[in-house]
Full PDB file with SEQRES, HELIX, SHEET, SSBOND, CRYST1, ORIGX, SCALE, CONECT and MASTER records, all heavy atoms in Angstrom:
SEQRES   1 A   32  ILE SER ARG ASP ASN ALA LYS LYS MET VAL TYR LEU GLN          
SEQRES   2 A   32  MET ASN SER LEU LYS PRO GLU ASP THR ALA VAL TYR TYR          
SEQRES   3 A   32  CYS ALA LEU VAL GLY VAL                                      
HELIX    1 AA1 PRO A   19  ASP A   21  5                                   3    
SHEET    1 AA1 2 SER A   2  ASP A   4  0                                        
SHEET    2 AA1 2 MET A   9  TYR A  11 -1                                        
CRYST1    1.000    1.000    1.000  90.00  90.00  90.00 P 1           1          
ORIGX1      1.000000  0.000000  0.000000        0.00000                         
ORIGX2      0.000000  1.000000  0.000000        0.00000                         
ORIGX3      0.000000  0.000000  1.000000        0.00000                         
SCALE1      1.000000  0.000000  0.000000        0.00000                         
SCALE2      0.000000  1.000000  0.000000        0.00000                         
SCALE3      0.000000  0.000000  1.000000        0.00000                         
ATOM      1  N   ILE A   1       6.692  -0.290  -1.433  1.00  0.00           N  
ATOM      2  CA  ILE A   1       5.757   0.840  -1.424  1.00  0.00           C  
ATOM      3  C   ILE A   1       6.366   1.936  -2.296  1.00  0.00           C  
ATOM      4  O   ILE A   1       7.569   2.165  -2.286  1.00  0.00           O  
ATOM      5  CB  ILE A   1       5.481   1.326   0.018  1.00  0.00           C  
ATOM      6  CG1 ILE A   1       4.344   2.344   0.014  1.00  0.00           C  
ATOM      7  CG2 ILE A   1       6.742   1.869   0.676  1.00  0.00           C  
ATOM      8  CD1 ILE A   1       3.854   2.717   1.423  1.00  0.00           C  
ATOM      9  N   SER A   2       5.485   2.632  -3.038  1.00  0.00           N  
ATOM     10  CA  SER A   2       5.945   3.761  -3.836  1.00  0.00           C  
ATOM     11  C   SER A   2       4.812   4.765  -3.930  1.00  0.00           C  
ATOM     12  O   SER A   2       3.695   4.485  -3.587  1.00  0.00           O  
ATOM     13  CB  SER A   2       6.365   3.275  -5.258  1.00  0.00           C  
ATOM     14  OG  SER A   2       5.269   2.673  -5.936  1.00  0.00           O  
ATOM     15  N   ARG A   3       5.167   5.972  -4.400  1.00  0.00           N  
ATOM     16  CA  ARG A   3       4.148   6.985  -4.569  1.00  0.00           C  
ATOM     17  C   ARG A   3       4.447   7.864  -5.740  1.00  0.00           C  
ATOM     18  O   ARG A   3       5.589   8.030  -6.137  1.00  0.00           O  
ATOM     19  CB  ARG A   3       4.016   7.818  -3.267  1.00  0.00           C  
ATOM     20  CG  ARG A   3       5.250   8.642  -2.924  1.00  0.00           C  
ATOM     21  CD  ARG A   3       5.122   9.226  -1.500  1.00  0.00           C  
ATOM     22  NE  ARG A   3       4.073  10.238  -1.394  1.00  0.00           N  
ATOM     23  CZ  ARG A   3       3.618  10.726  -0.251  1.00  0.00           C  
ATOM     24  NH1 ARG A   3       4.114  10.291   0.879  1.00  0.00           N  
ATOM     25  NH2 ARG A   3       2.708  11.684  -0.253  1.00  0.00           N  
ATOM     26  N   ASP A   4       3.389   8.409  -6.303  1.00  0.00           N  
ATOM     27  CA  ASP A   4       3.506   9.401  -7.393  1.00  0.00           C  
ATOM     28  C   ASP A   4       2.782  10.671  -6.858  1.00  0.00           C  
ATOM     29  O   ASP A   4       1.570  10.733  -6.865  1.00  0.00           O  
ATOM     30  CB  ASP A   4       2.804   8.841  -8.647  1.00  0.00           C  
ATOM     31  CG  ASP A   4       2.956   9.788  -9.852  1.00  0.00           C  
ATOM     32  OD1 ASP A   4       3.048  11.022  -9.630  1.00  0.00           O  
ATOM     33  OD2 ASP A   4       2.968   9.268 -10.976  1.00  0.00           O  
ATOM     34  N   ASN A   5       3.573  11.615  -6.430  1.00  0.00           N  
ATOM     35  CA  ASN A   5       2.991  12.780  -5.765  1.00  0.00           C  
ATOM     36  C   ASN A   5       2.204  13.639  -6.764  1.00  0.00           C  
ATOM     37  O   ASN A   5       1.174  14.229  -6.380  1.00  0.00           O  
ATOM     38  CB  ASN A   5       4.095  13.628  -5.128  1.00  0.00           C  
ATOM     39  CG  ASN A   5       4.735  12.951  -3.968  1.00  0.00           C  
ATOM     40  OD1 ASN A   5       4.110  12.114  -3.274  1.00  0.00           O  
ATOM     41  ND2 ASN A   5       6.029  13.220  -3.725  1.00  0.00           N  
ATOM     42  N   ALA A   6       2.609  13.674  -7.986  1.00  0.00           N  
ATOM     43  CA  ALA A   6       1.855  14.474  -8.990  1.00  0.00           C  
ATOM     44  C   ALA A   6       0.463  13.891  -9.221  1.00  0.00           C  
ATOM     45  O   ALA A   6      -0.503  14.639  -9.432  1.00  0.00           O  
ATOM     46  CB  ALA A   6       2.619  14.515 -10.291  1.00  0.00           C  
ATOM     47  N   LYS A   7       0.371  12.572  -9.149  1.00  0.00           N  
ATOM     48  CA  LYS A   7      -0.914  11.928  -9.375  1.00  0.00           C  
ATOM     49  C   LYS A   7      -1.670  11.649  -8.097  1.00  0.00           C  
ATOM     50  O   LYS A   7      -2.785  11.139  -8.123  1.00  0.00           O  
ATOM     51  CB  LYS A   7      -0.729  10.607 -10.160  1.00  0.00           C  
ATOM     52  CG  LYS A   7      -0.192  10.772 -11.545  1.00  0.00           C  
ATOM     53  CD  LYS A   7      -0.039   9.444 -12.251  1.00  0.00           C  
ATOM     54  CE  LYS A   7       0.470   9.598 -13.659  1.00  0.00           C  
ATOM     55  NZ  LYS A   7       0.668   8.273 -14.345  1.00  0.00           N  
ATOM     56  N   LYS A   8      -1.053  11.941  -6.963  1.00  0.00           N  
ATOM     57  CA  LYS A   8      -1.645  11.645  -5.644  1.00  0.00           C  
ATOM     58  C   LYS A   8      -2.003  10.162  -5.524  1.00  0.00           C  
ATOM     59  O   LYS A   8      -3.100   9.788  -5.128  1.00  0.00           O  
ATOM     60  CB  LYS A   8      -2.859  12.507  -5.372  1.00  0.00           C  
ATOM     61  CG  LYS A   8      -2.550  13.985  -5.221  1.00  0.00           C  
ATOM     62  CD  LYS A   8      -3.767  14.773  -4.758  1.00  0.00           C  
ATOM     63  CE  LYS A   8      -3.454  16.220  -4.491  1.00  0.00           C  
ATOM     64  NZ  LYS A   8      -4.626  16.984  -4.025  1.00  0.00           N  
ATOM     65  N   MET A   9      -1.010   9.330  -5.879  1.00  0.00           N  
ATOM     66  CA  MET A   9      -1.211   7.896  -5.834  1.00  0.00           C  
ATOM     67  C   MET A   9      -0.125   7.256  -4.967  1.00  0.00           C  
ATOM     68  O   MET A   9       1.012   7.684  -4.926  1.00  0.00           O  
ATOM     69  CB  MET A   9      -1.103   7.299  -7.249  1.00  0.00           C  
ATOM     70  CG  MET A   9      -2.179   7.728  -8.206  1.00  0.00           C  
ATOM     71  SD  MET A   9      -3.817   7.072  -7.816  1.00  0.00           S  
ATOM     72  CE  MET A   9      -3.539   5.319  -8.058  1.00  0.00           C  
ATOM     73  N   VAL A  10      -0.532   6.176  -4.287  1.00  0.00           N  
ATOM     74  CA  VAL A  10       0.378   5.377  -3.505  1.00  0.00           C  
ATOM     75  C   VAL A  10       0.169   3.917  -3.921  1.00  0.00           C  
ATOM     76  O   VAL A  10      -0.970   3.505  -4.125  1.00  0.00           O  
ATOM     77  CB  VAL A  10       0.146   5.514  -2.007  1.00  0.00           C  
ATOM     78  CG1 VAL A  10       1.173   4.690  -1.209  1.00  0.00           C  
ATOM     79  CG2 VAL A  10       0.200   6.982  -1.566  1.00  0.00           C  
ATOM     80  N   TYR A  11       1.245   3.175  -4.033  1.00  0.00           N  
ATOM     81  CA  TYR A  11       1.181   1.789  -4.513  1.00  0.00           C  
ATOM     82  C   TYR A  11       1.827   0.870  -3.520  1.00  0.00           C  
ATOM     83  O   TYR A  11       2.740   1.254  -2.784  1.00  0.00           O  
ATOM     84  CB  TYR A  11       1.855   1.673  -5.874  1.00  0.00           C  
ATOM     85  CG  TYR A  11       1.382   2.644  -6.910  1.00  0.00           C  
ATOM     86  CD1 TYR A  11       2.100   3.833  -7.144  1.00  0.00           C  
ATOM     87  CD2 TYR A  11       0.210   2.424  -7.627  1.00  0.00           C  
ATOM     88  CE1 TYR A  11       1.649   4.749  -8.099  1.00  0.00           C  
ATOM     89  CE2 TYR A  11      -0.245   3.321  -8.585  1.00  0.00           C  
ATOM     90  CZ  TYR A  11       0.473   4.485  -8.825  1.00  0.00           C  
ATOM     91  OH  TYR A  11       0.049   5.360  -9.744  1.00  0.00           O  
ATOM     92  N   LEU A  12       1.401  -0.389  -3.550  1.00  0.00           N  
ATOM     93  CA  LEU A  12       2.070  -1.419  -2.804  1.00  0.00           C  
ATOM     94  C   LEU A  12       2.184  -2.651  -3.687  1.00  0.00           C  
ATOM     95  O   LEU A  12       1.208  -3.287  -4.029  1.00  0.00           O  
ATOM     96  CB  LEU A  12       1.300  -1.802  -1.522  1.00  0.00           C  
ATOM     97  CG  LEU A  12       2.005  -2.794  -0.619  1.00  0.00           C  
ATOM     98  CD1 LEU A  12       3.269  -2.136   0.037  1.00  0.00           C  
ATOM     99  CD2 LEU A  12       1.072  -3.283   0.506  1.00  0.00           C  
ATOM    100  N   GLN A  13       3.405  -2.900  -4.137  1.00  0.00           N  
ATOM    101  CA  GLN A  13       3.699  -4.099  -4.932  1.00  0.00           C  
ATOM    102  C   GLN A  13       4.023  -5.235  -3.976  1.00  0.00           C  
ATOM    103  O   GLN A  13       4.928  -5.120  -3.161  1.00  0.00           O  
ATOM    104  CB  GLN A  13       4.879  -3.835  -5.855  1.00  0.00           C  
ATOM    105  CG  GLN A  13       5.303  -5.029  -6.656  1.00  0.00           C  
ATOM    106  CD  GLN A  13       4.212  -5.408  -7.689  1.00  0.00           C  
ATOM    107  OE1 GLN A  13       3.642  -4.587  -8.360  1.00  0.00           O  
ATOM    108  NE2 GLN A  13       3.961  -6.731  -7.802  1.00  0.00           N  
ATOM    109  N   MET A  14       3.241  -6.260  -4.046  1.00  0.00           N  
ATOM    110  CA  MET A  14       3.375  -7.411  -3.155  1.00  0.00           C  
ATOM    111  C   MET A  14       3.802  -8.645  -3.952  1.00  0.00           C  
ATOM    112  O   MET A  14       3.032  -9.105  -4.803  1.00  0.00           O  
ATOM    113  CB  MET A  14       2.083  -7.684  -2.396  1.00  0.00           C  
ATOM    114  CG  MET A  14       1.530  -6.454  -1.663  1.00  0.00           C  
ATOM    115  SD  MET A  14       0.127  -6.809  -0.662  1.00  0.00           S  
ATOM    116  CE  MET A  14      -1.087  -7.181  -1.938  1.00  0.00           C  
ATOM    117  N   ASN A  15       4.970  -9.125  -3.696  1.00  0.00           N  
ATOM    118  CA  ASN A  15       5.498 -10.336  -4.359  1.00  0.00           C  
ATOM    119  C   ASN A  15       5.640 -11.455  -3.363  1.00  0.00           C  
ATOM    120  O   ASN A  15       5.693 -11.260  -2.138  1.00  0.00           O  
ATOM    121  CB  ASN A  15       6.821 -10.030  -5.047  1.00  0.00           C  
ATOM    122  CG  ASN A  15       6.715  -8.964  -6.097  1.00  0.00           C  
ATOM    123  OD1 ASN A  15       5.695  -8.817  -6.770  1.00  0.00           O  
ATOM    124  ND2 ASN A  15       7.747  -8.171  -6.263  1.00  0.00           N  
ATOM    125  N   SER A  16       5.794 -12.666  -3.885  1.00  0.00           N  
ATOM    126  CA  SER A  16       6.002 -13.866  -3.026  1.00  0.00           C  
ATOM    127  C   SER A  16       4.997 -13.899  -1.903  1.00  0.00           C  
ATOM    128  O   SER A  16       5.350 -14.123  -0.699  1.00  0.00           O  
ATOM    129  CB  SER A  16       7.432 -13.842  -2.467  1.00  0.00           C  
ATOM    130  OG  SER A  16       8.378 -13.825  -3.534  1.00  0.00           O  
ATOM    131  N   LEU A  17       3.783 -13.735  -2.243  1.00  0.00           N  
ATOM    132  CA  LEU A  17       2.733 -13.661  -1.229  1.00  0.00           C  
ATOM    133  C   LEU A  17       2.596 -15.001  -0.477  1.00  0.00           C  
ATOM    134  O   LEU A  17       2.734 -16.070  -1.069  1.00  0.00           O  
ATOM    135  CB  LEU A  17       1.403 -13.254  -1.864  1.00  0.00           C  
ATOM    136  CG  LEU A  17       1.290 -11.757  -2.167  1.00  0.00           C  
ATOM    137  CD1 LEU A  17       0.210 -11.460  -3.185  1.00  0.00           C  
ATOM    138  CD2 LEU A  17       1.088 -10.983  -0.896  1.00  0.00           C  
ATOM    139  N   LYS A  18       2.244 -14.871   0.782  1.00  0.00           N  
ATOM    140  CA  LYS A  18       2.061 -16.035   1.650  1.00  0.00           C  
ATOM    141  C   LYS A  18       0.635 -16.026   2.221  1.00  0.00           C  
ATOM    142  O   LYS A  18       0.025 -14.962   2.283  1.00  0.00           O  
ATOM    143  CB  LYS A  18       3.048 -15.987   2.833  1.00  0.00           C  
ATOM    144  CG  LYS A  18       4.514 -15.829   2.434  1.00  0.00           C  
ATOM    145  CD  LYS A  18       5.387 -15.661   3.666  1.00  0.00           C  
ATOM    146  CE  LYS A  18       6.864 -15.505   3.285  1.00  0.00           C  
ATOM    147  NZ  LYS A  18       7.733 -15.313   4.466  1.00  0.00           N  
ATOM    148  N   PRO A  19       0.155 -17.172   2.630  1.00  0.00           N  
ATOM    149  CA  PRO A  19      -1.198 -17.230   3.231  1.00  0.00           C  
ATOM    150  C   PRO A  19      -1.342 -16.259   4.406  1.00  0.00           C  
ATOM    151  O   PRO A  19      -2.424 -15.673   4.582  1.00  0.00           O  
ATOM    152  CB  PRO A  19      -1.333 -18.664   3.646  1.00  0.00           C  
ATOM    153  CG  PRO A  19      -0.495 -19.433   2.679  1.00  0.00           C  
ATOM    154  CD  PRO A  19       0.678 -18.541   2.400  1.00  0.00           C  
ATOM    155  N   GLU A  20      -0.295 -16.059   5.156  1.00  0.00           N  
ATOM    156  CA  GLU A  20      -0.362 -15.131   6.307  1.00  0.00           C  
ATOM    157  C   GLU A  20      -0.414 -13.670   5.899  1.00  0.00           C  
ATOM    158  O   GLU A  20      -0.597 -12.815   6.758  1.00  0.00           O  
ATOM    159  CB  GLU A  20       0.846 -15.357   7.251  1.00  0.00           C  
ATOM    160  CG  GLU A  20       2.202 -15.352   6.571  1.00  0.00           C  
ATOM    161  CD  GLU A  20       2.700 -16.772   6.270  1.00  0.00           C  
ATOM    162  OE1 GLU A  20       1.881 -17.614   5.779  1.00  0.00           O  
ATOM    163  OE2 GLU A  20       3.881 -17.020   6.503  1.00  0.00           O  
ATOM    164  N   ASP A  21      -0.310 -13.375   4.607  1.00  0.00           N  
ATOM    165  CA  ASP A  21      -0.520 -12.007   4.150  1.00  0.00           C  
ATOM    166  C   ASP A  21      -2.017 -11.729   3.925  1.00  0.00           C  
ATOM    167  O   ASP A  21      -2.382 -10.566   3.665  1.00  0.00           O  
ATOM    168  CB  ASP A  21       0.228 -11.792   2.840  1.00  0.00           C  
ATOM    169  CG  ASP A  21       1.716 -11.856   2.965  1.00  0.00           C  
ATOM    170  OD1 ASP A  21       2.262 -11.292   3.957  1.00  0.00           O  
ATOM    171  OD2 ASP A  21       2.378 -12.418   2.095  1.00  0.00           O  
ATOM    172  N   THR A  22      -2.842 -12.744   4.057  1.00  0.00           N  
ATOM    173  CA  THR A  22      -4.286 -12.523   3.894  1.00  0.00           C  
ATOM    174  C   THR A  22      -4.796 -11.554   4.926  1.00  0.00           C  
ATOM    175  O   THR A  22      -4.605 -11.701   6.129  1.00  0.00           O  
ATOM    176  CB  THR A  22      -5.022 -13.867   4.061  1.00  0.00           C  
ATOM    177  OG1 THR A  22      -4.640 -14.741   2.983  1.00  0.00           O  
ATOM    178  CG2 THR A  22      -6.514 -13.685   4.057  1.00  0.00           C  
ATOM    179  N   ALA A  23      -5.461 -10.499   4.437  1.00  0.00           N  
ATOM    180  CA  ALA A  23      -5.940  -9.425   5.327  1.00  0.00           C  
ATOM    181  C   ALA A  23      -6.720  -8.409   4.489  1.00  0.00           C  
ATOM    182  O   ALA A  23      -6.656  -8.450   3.241  1.00  0.00           O  
ATOM    183  CB  ALA A  23      -4.789  -8.724   6.028  1.00  0.00           C  
ATOM    184  N   VAL A  24      -7.359  -7.520   5.175  1.00  0.00           N  
ATOM    185  CA  VAL A  24      -7.886  -6.291   4.520  1.00  0.00           C  
ATOM    186  C   VAL A  24      -6.755  -5.265   4.591  1.00  0.00           C  
ATOM    187  O   VAL A  24      -6.209  -5.009   5.680  1.00  0.00           O  
ATOM    188  CB  VAL A  24      -9.141  -5.765   5.180  1.00  0.00           C  
ATOM    189  CG1 VAL A  24      -9.609  -4.510   4.516  1.00  0.00           C  
ATOM    190  CG2 VAL A  24     -10.266  -6.829   5.157  1.00  0.00           C  
ATOM    191  N   TYR A  25      -6.449  -4.692   3.464  1.00  0.00           N  
ATOM    192  CA  TYR A  25      -5.356  -3.724   3.372  1.00  0.00           C  
ATOM    193  C   TYR A  25      -5.958  -2.330   3.255  1.00  0.00           C  
ATOM    194  O   TYR A  25      -6.841  -2.069   2.406  1.00  0.00           O  
ATOM    195  CB  TYR A  25      -4.452  -4.024   2.148  1.00  0.00           C  
ATOM    196  CG  TYR A  25      -3.529  -5.185   2.442  1.00  0.00           C  
ATOM    197  CD1 TYR A  25      -4.004  -6.502   2.508  1.00  0.00           C  
ATOM    198  CD2 TYR A  25      -2.180  -4.980   2.618  1.00  0.00           C  
ATOM    199  CE1 TYR A  25      -3.133  -7.595   2.794  1.00  0.00           C  
ATOM    200  CE2 TYR A  25      -1.300  -6.052   2.892  1.00  0.00           C  
ATOM    201  CZ  TYR A  25      -1.819  -7.333   2.937  1.00  0.00           C  
ATOM    202  OH  TYR A  25      -0.985  -8.389   3.206  1.00  0.00           O  
ATOM    203  N   TYR A  26      -5.438  -1.463   4.115  1.00  0.00           N  
ATOM    204  CA  TYR A  26      -5.950  -0.082   4.172  1.00  0.00           C  
ATOM    205  C   TYR A  26      -4.838   0.901   3.794  1.00  0.00           C  
ATOM    206  O   TYR A  26      -3.703   0.803   4.250  1.00  0.00           O  
ATOM    207  CB  TYR A  26      -6.431   0.259   5.559  1.00  0.00           C  
ATOM    208  CG  TYR A  26      -7.574  -0.588   6.065  1.00  0.00           C  
ATOM    209  CD1 TYR A  26      -7.400  -1.738   6.766  1.00  0.00           C  
ATOM    210  CD2 TYR A  26      -8.905  -0.151   5.840  1.00  0.00           C  
ATOM    211  CE1 TYR A  26      -8.433  -2.525   7.224  1.00  0.00           C  
ATOM    212  CE2 TYR A  26      -9.988  -0.903   6.281  1.00  0.00           C  
ATOM    213  CZ  TYR A  26      -9.714  -2.095   6.988  1.00  0.00           C  
ATOM    214  OH  TYR A  26     -10.800  -2.818   7.452  1.00  0.00           O  
ATOM    215  N   CYS A  27      -5.222   1.866   3.007  1.00  0.00           N  
ATOM    216  CA  CYS A  27      -4.357   2.998   2.709  1.00  0.00           C  
ATOM    217  C   CYS A  27      -4.617   4.044   3.778  1.00  0.00           C  
ATOM    218  O   CYS A  27      -5.757   4.293   4.193  1.00  0.00           O  
ATOM    219  CB  CYS A  27      -4.677   3.533   1.339  1.00  0.00           C  
ATOM    220  SG  CYS A  27      -3.735   5.015   0.841  1.00  0.00           S  
ATOM    221  N   ALA A  28      -3.538   4.710   4.226  1.00  0.00           N  
ATOM    222  CA  ALA A  28      -3.713   5.724   5.260  1.00  0.00           C  
ATOM    223  C   ALA A  28      -2.830   6.925   4.979  1.00  0.00           C  
ATOM    224  O   ALA A  28      -1.704   6.816   4.466  1.00  0.00           O  
ATOM    225  CB  ALA A  28      -3.329   5.148   6.644  1.00  0.00           C  
ATOM    226  N   LEU A  29      -3.358   8.105   5.347  1.00  0.00           N  
ATOM    227  CA  LEU A  29      -2.591   9.320   5.332  1.00  0.00           C  
ATOM    228  C   LEU A  29      -2.247   9.618   6.768  1.00  0.00           C  
ATOM    229  O   LEU A  29      -3.144   9.797   7.605  1.00  0.00           O  
ATOM    230  CB  LEU A  29      -3.393  10.451   4.697  1.00  0.00           C  
ATOM    231  CG  LEU A  29      -2.648  11.757   4.513  1.00  0.00           C  
ATOM    232  CD1 LEU A  29      -3.223  12.529   3.329  1.00  0.00           C  
ATOM    233  CD2 LEU A  29      -2.691  12.654   5.775  1.00  0.00           C  
ATOM    234  N   VAL A  30      -0.959   9.673   7.069  1.00  0.00           N  
ATOM    235  CA  VAL A  30      -0.499   9.853   8.444  1.00  0.00           C  
ATOM    236  C   VAL A  30      -0.404  11.331   8.731  1.00  0.00           C  
ATOM    237  O   VAL A  30       0.523  12.018   8.236  1.00  0.00           O  
ATOM    238  CB  VAL A  30       0.876   9.153   8.638  1.00  0.00           C  
ATOM    239  CG1 VAL A  30       1.340   9.352  10.086  1.00  0.00           C  
ATOM    240  CG2 VAL A  30       0.753   7.693   8.324  1.00  0.00           C  
ATOM    241  N   GLY A  31      -1.362  11.860   9.504  1.00  0.00           N  
ATOM    242  CA  GLY A  31      -1.332  13.257   9.785  1.00  0.00           C  
ATOM    243  C   GLY A  31      -2.173  13.559  11.005  1.00  0.00           C  
ATOM    244  O   GLY A  31      -2.448  12.677  11.801  1.00  0.00           O  
ATOM    245  N   VAL A  32      -2.537  14.795  11.143  1.00  0.00           N  
ATOM    246  CA  VAL A  32      -3.437  15.213  12.199  1.00  0.00           C  
ATOM    247  C   VAL A  32      -4.652  15.836  11.610  1.00  0.00           C  
ATOM    248  O   VAL A  32      -4.579  16.998  11.163  1.00  0.00           O  
ATOM    249  CB  VAL A  32      -2.714  16.198  13.176  1.00  0.00           C  
ATOM    250  CG1 VAL A  32      -3.700  16.585  14.290  1.00  0.00           C  
ATOM    251  CG2 VAL A  32      -1.453  15.545  13.711  1.00  0.00           C  
TER     252      VAL A  32                                                      
MASTER        0    0    0    1    2    0    0    6  251    1    0    3          
END                                                                             
C-alpha cells in the first residue's frame, strides 16, 4: 500500500495473486 498525499491518491500493488484474493476491494478513509 502507498499514498501520494499531494495528489490525494492511495494505491494497492498486488503481486503473486491467488484465487482466494478474489473479492470486491474497497478504499476507505478511517475517521469519524
